């Protein structure tokens, strides 16, 4: 058997909480096969929430770099 997953291309030039949540919510994984990878993205979103940023405010550069690194690893 072979499982394949297609990752939708997103433009993360200016990353906001709204964009992060939109990308994470767009992942359809009813069997939970990619859950171990998704958790990292959710933890990054949680970090931005703790900073109490506005939904459309850019996230700090450190989180943006971690997000891009995580996204590219998908």
PDB file of N, CA and C in Angstrom:
ATOM      1  N   UNK A   1       0.839  -1.191   0.000  1.00  0.00           N
ATOM      2  CA  UNK A   1       0.000   0.000   0.000  1.00  0.00           C
ATOM      3  C   UNK A   1       0.876   1.244   0.000  1.00  0.00           C
ATOM      4  N   UNK A   2       0.333   2.299  -0.530  1.00  0.00           N
ATOM      5  CA  UNK A   2       1.051   3.563  -0.621  1.00  0.00           C
ATOM      6  C   UNK A   2       0.109   4.695  -0.242  1.00  0.00           C
ATOM      7  N   UNK A   3       0.552   5.518   0.693  1.00  0.00           N
ATOM      8  CA  UNK A   3      -0.207   6.698   1.087  1.00  0.00           C
ATOM      9  C   UNK A   3       0.515   7.928   0.568  1.00  0.00           C
ATOM     10  N   UNK A   4      -0.218   8.800  -0.085  1.00  0.00           N
ATOM     11  CA  UNK A   4       0.343  10.043  -0.594  1.00  0.00           C
ATOM     12  C   UNK A   4      -0.471  11.203  -0.045  1.00  0.00           C
ATOM     13  N   UNK A   5       0.220  12.293   0.235  1.00  0.00           N
ATOM     14  CA  UNK A   5      -0.438  13.487   0.731  1.00  0.00           C
ATOM     15  C   UNK A   5      -0.015  14.657  -0.127  1.00  0.00           C
ATOM     16  N   UNK A   6      -0.958  15.487  -0.495  1.00  0.00           N
ATOM     17  CA  UNK A   6      -0.681  16.672  -1.292  1.00  0.00           C
ATOM     18  C   UNK A   6      -0.739  17.892  -0.371  1.00  0.00           C
ATOM     19  N   UNK A   7       0.346  18.646  -0.352  1.00  0.00           N
ATOM     20  CA  UNK A   7       0.414  19.849   0.475  1.00  0.00           C
ATOM     21  C   UNK A   7       0.105  21.044  -0.407  1.00  0.00           C
ATOM     22  N   UNK A   8      -0.901  21.782  -0.023  1.00  0.00           N
ATOM     23  CA  UNK A   8      -1.320  22.954  -0.787  1.00  0.00           C
ATOM     24  C   UNK A   8      -0.276  24.061  -0.655  1.00  0.00           C
ATOM     25  N   UNK A   9       0.031  24.718  -1.760  1.00  0.00           N
ATOM     26  CA  UNK A   9       1.010  25.797  -1.747  1.00  0.00           C
ATOM     27  C   UNK A   9       0.393  27.053  -1.118  1.00  0.00           C
ATOM     28  N   UNK A  10       1.090  27.612  -0.170  1.00  0.00           N
ATOM     29  CA  UNK A  10       0.675  28.842   0.494  1.00  0.00           C
ATOM     30  C   UNK A  10       1.793  29.857   0.374  1.00  0.00           C
ATOM     31  N   UNK A  11       1.437  31.111   0.351  1.00  0.00           N
ATOM     32  CA  UNK A  11       2.423  32.184   0.334  1.00  0.00           C
ATOM     33  C   UNK A  11       2.509  32.759   1.741  1.00  0.00           C
ATOM     34  N   UNK A  12       3.629  32.537   2.396  1.00  0.00           N
ATOM     35  CA  UNK A  12       3.796  32.984   3.778  1.00  0.00           C
ATOM     36  C   UNK A  12       4.750  34.170   3.879  1.00  0.00           C
ATOM     37  N   UNK A  13       4.673  35.109   2.916  1.00  0.00           N
ATOM     38  CA  UNK A  13       5.550  36.284   2.976  1.00  0.00           C
ATOM     39  C   UNK A  13       5.257  37.106   4.219  1.00  0.00           C
ATOM     40  N   UNK A  14       3.981  37.378   4.481  1.00  0.00           N
ATOM     41  CA  UNK A  14       3.597  38.073   5.706  1.00  0.00           C
ATOM     42  C   UNK A  14       2.687  37.117   6.469  1.00  0.00           C
ATOM     43  N   UNK A  15       3.215  36.544   7.511  1.00  0.00           N
ATOM     44  CA  UNK A  15       2.495  35.525   8.270  1.00  0.00           C
ATOM     45  C   UNK A  15       1.724  36.161   9.419  1.00  0.00           C
ATOM     46  N   UNK A  16       0.432  35.830   9.510  1.00  0.00           N
ATOM     47  CA  UNK A  16      -0.411  36.305  10.607  1.00  0.00           C
ATOM     48  C   UNK A  16      -1.085  35.097  11.257  1.00  0.00           C
ATOM     49  N   UNK A  17      -1.693  35.330  12.400  1.00  0.00           N
ATOM     50  CA  UNK A  17      -2.433  34.245  13.061  1.00  0.00           C
ATOM     51  C   UNK A  17      -3.555  33.735  12.167  1.00  0.00           C
ATOM     52  N   UNK A  18      -4.215  34.633  11.451  1.00  0.00           N
ATOM     53  CA  UNK A  18      -5.318  34.243  10.571  1.00  0.00           C
ATOM     54  C   UNK A  18      -4.832  33.290   9.473  1.00  0.00           C
ATOM     55  N   UNK A  19      -3.679  33.582   8.882  1.00  0.00           N
ATOM     56  CA  UNK A  19      -3.118  32.740   7.831  1.00  0.00           C
ATOM     57  C   UNK A  19      -2.703  31.388   8.404  1.00  0.00           C
ATOM     58  N   UNK A  20      -2.102  31.400   9.592  1.00  0.00           N
ATOM     59  CA  UNK A  20      -1.681  30.145  10.226  1.00  0.00           C
ATOM     60  C   UNK A  20      -2.891  29.246  10.480  1.00  0.00           C
ATOM     61  N   UNK A  21      -3.938  29.824  11.060  1.00  0.00           N
ATOM     62  CA  UNK A  21      -5.132  29.045  11.368  1.00  0.00           C
ATOM     63  C   UNK A  21      -5.799  28.549  10.088  1.00  0.00           C
ATOM     64  N   UNK A  22      -5.838  29.382   9.070  1.00  0.00           N
ATOM     65  CA  UNK A  22      -6.443  28.995   7.798  1.00  0.00           C
ATOM     66  C   UNK A  22      -5.721  27.790   7.200  1.00  0.00           C
ATOM     67  N   UNK A  23      -4.399  27.816   7.230  1.00  0.00           N
ATOM     68  CA  UNK A  23      -3.637  26.693   6.681  1.00  0.00           C
ATOM     69  C   UNK A  23      -3.868  25.428   7.503  1.00  0.00           C
ATOM     70  N   UNK A  24      -3.801  25.535   8.823  1.00  0.00           N
ATOM     71  CA  UNK A  24      -3.985  24.354   9.671  1.00  0.00           C
ATOM     72  C   UNK A  24      -5.390  23.772   9.533  1.00  0.00           C
ATOM     73  N   UNK A  25      -6.383  24.639   9.400  1.00  0.00           N
ATOM     74  CA  UNK A  25      -7.762  24.162   9.268  1.00  0.00           C
ATOM     75  C   UNK A  25      -8.033  23.541   7.901  1.00  0.00           C
ATOM     76  N   UNK A  26      -7.192  23.860   6.921  1.00  0.00           N
ATOM     77  CA  UNK A  26      -7.415  23.314   5.582  1.00  0.00           C
ATOM     78  C   UNK A  26      -6.903  21.882   5.439  1.00  0.00           C
ATOM     79  N   UNK A  27      -6.218  21.388   6.439  1.00  0.00           N
ATOM     80  CA  UNK A  27      -5.659  20.038   6.378  1.00  0.00           C
ATOM     81  C   UNK A  27      -6.754  19.029   6.711  1.00  0.00           C
ATOM     82  N   UNK A  28      -7.031  18.148   5.770  1.00  0.00           N
ATOM     83  CA  UNK A  28      -8.054  17.117   5.944  1.00  0.00           C
ATOM     84  C   UNK A  28      -7.346  15.789   6.182  1.00  0.00           C
ATOM     85  N   UNK A  29      -7.443  15.292   7.407  1.00  0.00           N
ATOM     86  CA  UNK A  29      -6.758  14.064   7.786  1.00  0.00           C
ATOM     87  C   UNK A  29      -7.661  13.242   8.707  1.00  0.00           C
ATOM     88  N   UNK A  30      -8.703  12.594   8.144  1.00  0.00           N
ATOM     89  CA  UNK A  30      -9.661  11.883   8.992  1.00  0.00           C
ATOM     90  C   UNK A  30      -9.064  10.695   9.742  1.00  0.00           C
ATOM     91  N   UNK A  31      -7.995  10.107   9.238  1.00  0.00           N
ATOM     92  CA  UNK A  31      -7.380   8.971   9.924  1.00  0.00           C
ATOM     93  C   UNK A  31      -6.305   9.390  10.910  1.00  0.00           C
ATOM     94  N   UNK A  32      -5.909  10.648  10.897  1.00  0.00           N
ATOM     95  CA  UNK A  32      -4.892  11.133  11.821  1.00  0.00           C
ATOM     96  C   UNK A  32      -3.487  10.686  11.478  1.00  0.00           C
ATOM     97  N   UNK A  33      -3.248  10.380  10.216  1.00  0.00           N
ATOM     98  CA  UNK A  33      -1.932   9.882   9.812  1.00  0.00           C
ATOM     99  C   UNK A  33      -0.848  10.953   9.845  1.00  0.00           C
ATOM    100  N   UNK A  34      -1.219  12.201   9.621  1.00  0.00           N
ATOM    101  CA  UNK A  34      -0.217  13.270   9.642  1.00  0.00           C
ATOM    102  C   UNK A  34      -0.282  14.111  10.919  1.00  0.00           C
ATOM    103  N   UNK A  35      -1.013  13.640  11.897  1.00  0.00           N
ATOM    104  CA  UNK A  35      -1.139  14.371  13.162  1.00  0.00           C
ATOM    105  C   UNK A  35       0.199  14.696  13.820  1.00  0.00           C
ATOM    106  N   UNK A  36       1.171  13.779  13.812  1.00  0.00           N
ATOM    107  CA  UNK A  36       2.455  14.131  14.440  1.00  0.00           C
ATOM    108  C   UNK A  36       3.115  15.353  13.807  1.00  0.00           C
ATOM    109  N   UNK A  37       2.907  15.594  12.526  1.00  0.00           N
ATOM    110  CA  UNK A  37       3.488  16.760  11.874  1.00  0.00           C
ATOM    111  C   UNK A  37       2.642  18.005  12.096  1.00  0.00           C
ATOM    112  N   UNK A  38       1.346  17.828  12.197  1.00  0.00           N
ATOM    113  CA  UNK A  38       0.435  18.965  12.361  1.00  0.00           C
ATOM    114  C   UNK A  38       0.586  19.593  13.744  1.00  0.00           C
ATOM    115  N   UNK A  39       0.932  18.791  14.727  1.00  0.00           N
ATOM    116  CA  UNK A  39       1.054  19.284  16.100  1.00  0.00           C
ATOM    117  C   UNK A  39       2.057  20.429  16.178  1.00  0.00           C
ATOM    118  N   UNK A  40       3.140  20.338  15.457  1.00  0.00           N
ATOM    119  CA  UNK A  40       4.147  21.399  15.483  1.00  0.00           C
ATOM    120  C   UNK A  40       3.556  22.724  15.003  1.00  0.00           C
ATOM    121  N   UNK A  41       2.785  22.691  13.933  1.00  0.00           N
ATOM    122  CA  UNK A  41       2.133  23.903  13.444  1.00  0.00           C
ATOM    123  C   UNK A  41       1.148  24.459  14.453  1.00  0.00           C
ATOM    124  N   UNK A  42       0.414  23.585  15.108  1.00  0.00           N
ATOM    125  CA  UNK A  42      -0.547  24.031  16.115  1.00  0.00           C
ATOM    126  C   UNK A  42       0.150  24.651  17.322  1.00  0.00           C
ATOM    127  N   UNK A  43       1.310  24.113  17.686  1.00  0.00           N
ATOM    128  CA  UNK A  43       2.070  24.686  18.793  1.00  0.00           C
ATOM    129  C   UNK A  43       2.610  26.071  18.445  1.00  0.00           C
ATOM    130  N   UNK A  44       3.002  26.264  17.194  1.00  0.00           N
ATOM    131  CA  UNK A  44       3.446  27.593  16.763  1.00  0.00           C
ATOM    132  C   UNK A  44       2.287  28.586  16.798  1.00  0.00           C
ATOM    133  N   UNK A  45       1.105  28.151  16.379  1.00  0.00           N
ATOM    134  CA  UNK A  45      -0.077  29.009  16.467  1.00  0.00           C
ATOM    135  C   UNK A  45      -0.386  29.332  17.929  1.00  0.00           C
ATOM    136  N   UNK A  46      -0.224  28.360  18.798  1.00  0.00           N
ATOM    137  CA  UNK A  46      -0.459  28.581  20.221  1.00  0.00           C
ATOM    138  C   UNK A  46       0.500  29.630  20.787  1.00  0.00           C
ATOM    139  N   UNK A  47       1.748  29.608  20.344  1.00  0.00           N
ATOM    140  CA  UNK A  47       2.720  30.610  20.798  1.00  0.00           C
ATOM    141  C   UNK A  47       2.274  32.024  20.417  1.00  0.00           C
ATOM    142  N   UNK A  48       1.763  32.180  19.200  1.00  0.00           N
ATOM    143  CA  UNK A  48       1.307  33.513  18.772  1.00  0.00           C
ATOM    144  C   UNK A  48       0.072  33.939  19.552  1.00  0.00           C
ATOM    145  N   UNK A  49      -0.761  32.976  19.913  1.00  0.00           N
ATOM    146  CA  UNK A  49      -1.957  33.294  20.696  1.00  0.00           C
ATOM    147  C   UNK A  49      -1.562  33.776  22.086  1.00  0.00           C
ATOM    148  N   UNK A  50      -0.552  33.155  22.662  1.00  0.00           N
ATOM    149  CA  UNK A  50      -0.073  33.579  23.990  1.00  0.00           C
ATOM    150  C   UNK A  50       0.486  34.993  23.971  1.00  0.00           C
ATOM    151  N   UNK A  51       1.005  35.415  22.832  1.00  0.00           N
ATOM    152  CA  UNK A  51       1.515  36.785  22.701  1.00  0.00           C
ATOM    153  C   UNK A  51       0.383  37.801  22.566  1.00  0.00           C
ATOM    154  N   UNK A  52      -0.839  37.326  22.441  1.00  0.00           N
ATOM    155  CA  UNK A  52      -2.049  38.149  22.315  1.00  0.00           C
ATOM    156  C   UNK A  52      -1.961  39.103  21.120  1.00  0.00           C
ATOM    157  N   UNK A  53      -1.460  38.562  20.022  1.00  0.00           N
ATOM    158  CA  UNK A  53      -1.396  39.353  18.792  1.00  0.00           C
ATOM    159  C   UNK A  53      -2.775  39.448  18.159  1.00  0.00           C
ATOM    160  N   UNK A  54      -2.985  40.518  17.424  1.00  0.00           N
ATOM    161  CA  UNK A  54      -4.214  40.667  16.655  1.00  0.00           C
ATOM    162  C   UNK A  54      -4.196  39.642  15.525  1.00  0.00           C
ATOM    163  N   UNK A  55      -5.365  39.268  15.017  1.00  0.00           N
ATOM    164  CA  UNK A  55      -5.451  38.250  13.978  1.00  0.00           C
ATOM    165  C   UNK A  55      -4.702  38.627  12.711  1.00  0.00           C
ATOM    166  N   UNK A  56      -4.629  39.916  12.402  1.00  0.00           N
ATOM    167  CA  UNK A  56      -3.985  40.357  11.169  1.00  0.00           C
ATOM    168  C   UNK A  56      -2.636  41.028  11.396  1.00  0.00           C
ATOM    169  N   UNK A  57      -2.113  40.932  12.612  1.00  0.00           N
ATOM    170  CA  UNK A  57      -0.791  41.488  12.909  1.00  0.00           C
ATOM    171  C   UNK A  57       0.281  40.468  12.529  1.00  0.00           C
ATOM    172  N   UNK A  58       1.370  40.920  11.952  1.00  0.00           N
ATOM    173  CA  UNK A  58       2.445  39.985  11.599  1.00  0.00           C
ATOM    174  C   UNK A  58       3.026  39.331  12.852  1.00  0.00           C
ATOM    175  N   UNK A  59       3.360  38.056  12.719  1.00  0.00           N
ATOM    176  CA  UNK A  59       3.954  37.338  13.854  1.00  0.00           C
ATOM    177  C   UNK A  59       5.428  37.718  13.962  1.00  0.00           C
ATOM    178  N   UNK A  60       6.041  37.532  15.141  1.00  0.00           N
ATOM    179  CA  UNK A  60       7.475  37.833  15.278  1.00  0.00           C
ATOM    180  C   UNK A  60       8.316  37.002  14.307  1.00  0.00           C
ATOM    181  N   UNK A  61       9.457  37.554  13.946  1.00  0.00           N
ATOM    182  CA  UNK A  61      10.327  36.929  12.944  1.00  0.00           C
ATOM    183  C   UNK A  61      10.786  35.534  13.367  1.00  0.00           C
ATOM    184  N   UNK A  62      11.019  35.317  14.654  1.00  0.00           N
ATOM    185  CA  UNK A  62      11.472  33.991  15.103  1.00  0.00           C
ATOM    186  C   UNK A  62      10.410  32.930  14.842  1.00  0.00           C
ATOM    187  N   UNK A  63       9.160  33.258  15.105  1.00  0.00           N
ATOM    188  CA  UNK A  63       8.074  32.310  14.861  1.00  0.00           C
ATOM    189  C   UNK A  63       7.867  32.135  13.361  1.00  0.00           C
ATOM    190  N   UNK A  64       8.021  33.223  12.608  1.00  0.00           N
ATOM    191  CA  UNK A  64       7.874  33.138  11.151  1.00  0.00           C
ATOM    192  C   UNK A  64       8.919  32.179  10.567  1.00  0.00           C
ATOM    193  N   UNK A  65      10.144  32.260  11.037  1.00  0.00           N
ATOM    194  CA  UNK A  65      11.201  31.373  10.549  1.00  0.00           C
ATOM    195  C   UNK A  65      10.912  29.921  10.919  1.00  0.00           C
ATOM    196  N   UNK A  66      10.442  29.699  12.156  1.00  0.00           N
ATOM    197  CA  UNK A  66      10.099  28.337  12.576  1.00  0.00           C
ATOM    198  C   UNK A  66       8.952  27.794  11.736  1.00  0.00           C
ATOM    199  N   UNK A  67       7.964  28.646  11.432  1.00  0.00           N
ATOM    200  CA  UNK A  67       6.819  28.232  10.614  1.00  0.00           C
ATOM    201  C   UNK A  67       7.271  27.829   9.214  1.00  0.00           C
ATOM    202  N   UNK A  68       8.117  28.664   8.603  1.00  0.00           N
ATOM    203  CA  UNK A  68       8.613  28.345   7.265  1.00  0.00           C
ATOM    204  C   UNK A  68       9.418  27.052   7.259  1.00  0.00           C
ATOM    205  N   UNK A  69      10.220  26.861   8.275  1.00  0.00           N
ATOM    206  CA  UNK A  69      11.007  25.631   8.381  1.00  0.00           C
ATOM    207  C   UNK A  69      10.085  24.428   8.516  1.00  0.00           C
ATOM    208  N   UNK A  70       9.055  24.552   9.356  1.00  0.00           N
ATOM    209  CA  UNK A  70       8.096  23.468   9.545  1.00  0.00           C
ATOM    210  C   UNK A  70       7.331  23.200   8.254  1.00  0.00           C
ATOM    211  N   UNK A  71       6.884  24.253   7.595  1.00  0.00           N
ATOM    212  CA  UNK A  71       6.120  24.091   6.352  1.00  0.00           C
ATOM    213  C   UNK A  71       6.957  23.412   5.274  1.00  0.00           C
ATOM    214  N   UNK A  72       8.209  23.817   5.152  1.00  0.00           N
ATOM    215  CA  UNK A  72       9.079  23.211   4.136  1.00  0.00           C
ATOM    216  C   UNK A  72       9.387  21.750   4.438  1.00  0.00           C
ATOM    217  N   UNK A  73       9.311  21.363   5.709  1.00  0.00           N
ATOM    218  CA  UNK A  73       9.554  19.954   6.067  1.00  0.00           C
ATOM    219  C   UNK A  73       8.363  19.064   5.695  1.00  0.00           C
ATOM    220  N   UNK A  74       7.198  19.674   5.461  1.00  0.00           N
ATOM    221  CA  UNK A  74       6.044  18.872   5.076  1.00  0.00           C
ATOM    222  C   UNK A  74       6.270  18.300   3.686  1.00  0.00           C
TER     223      UNK A  74
END
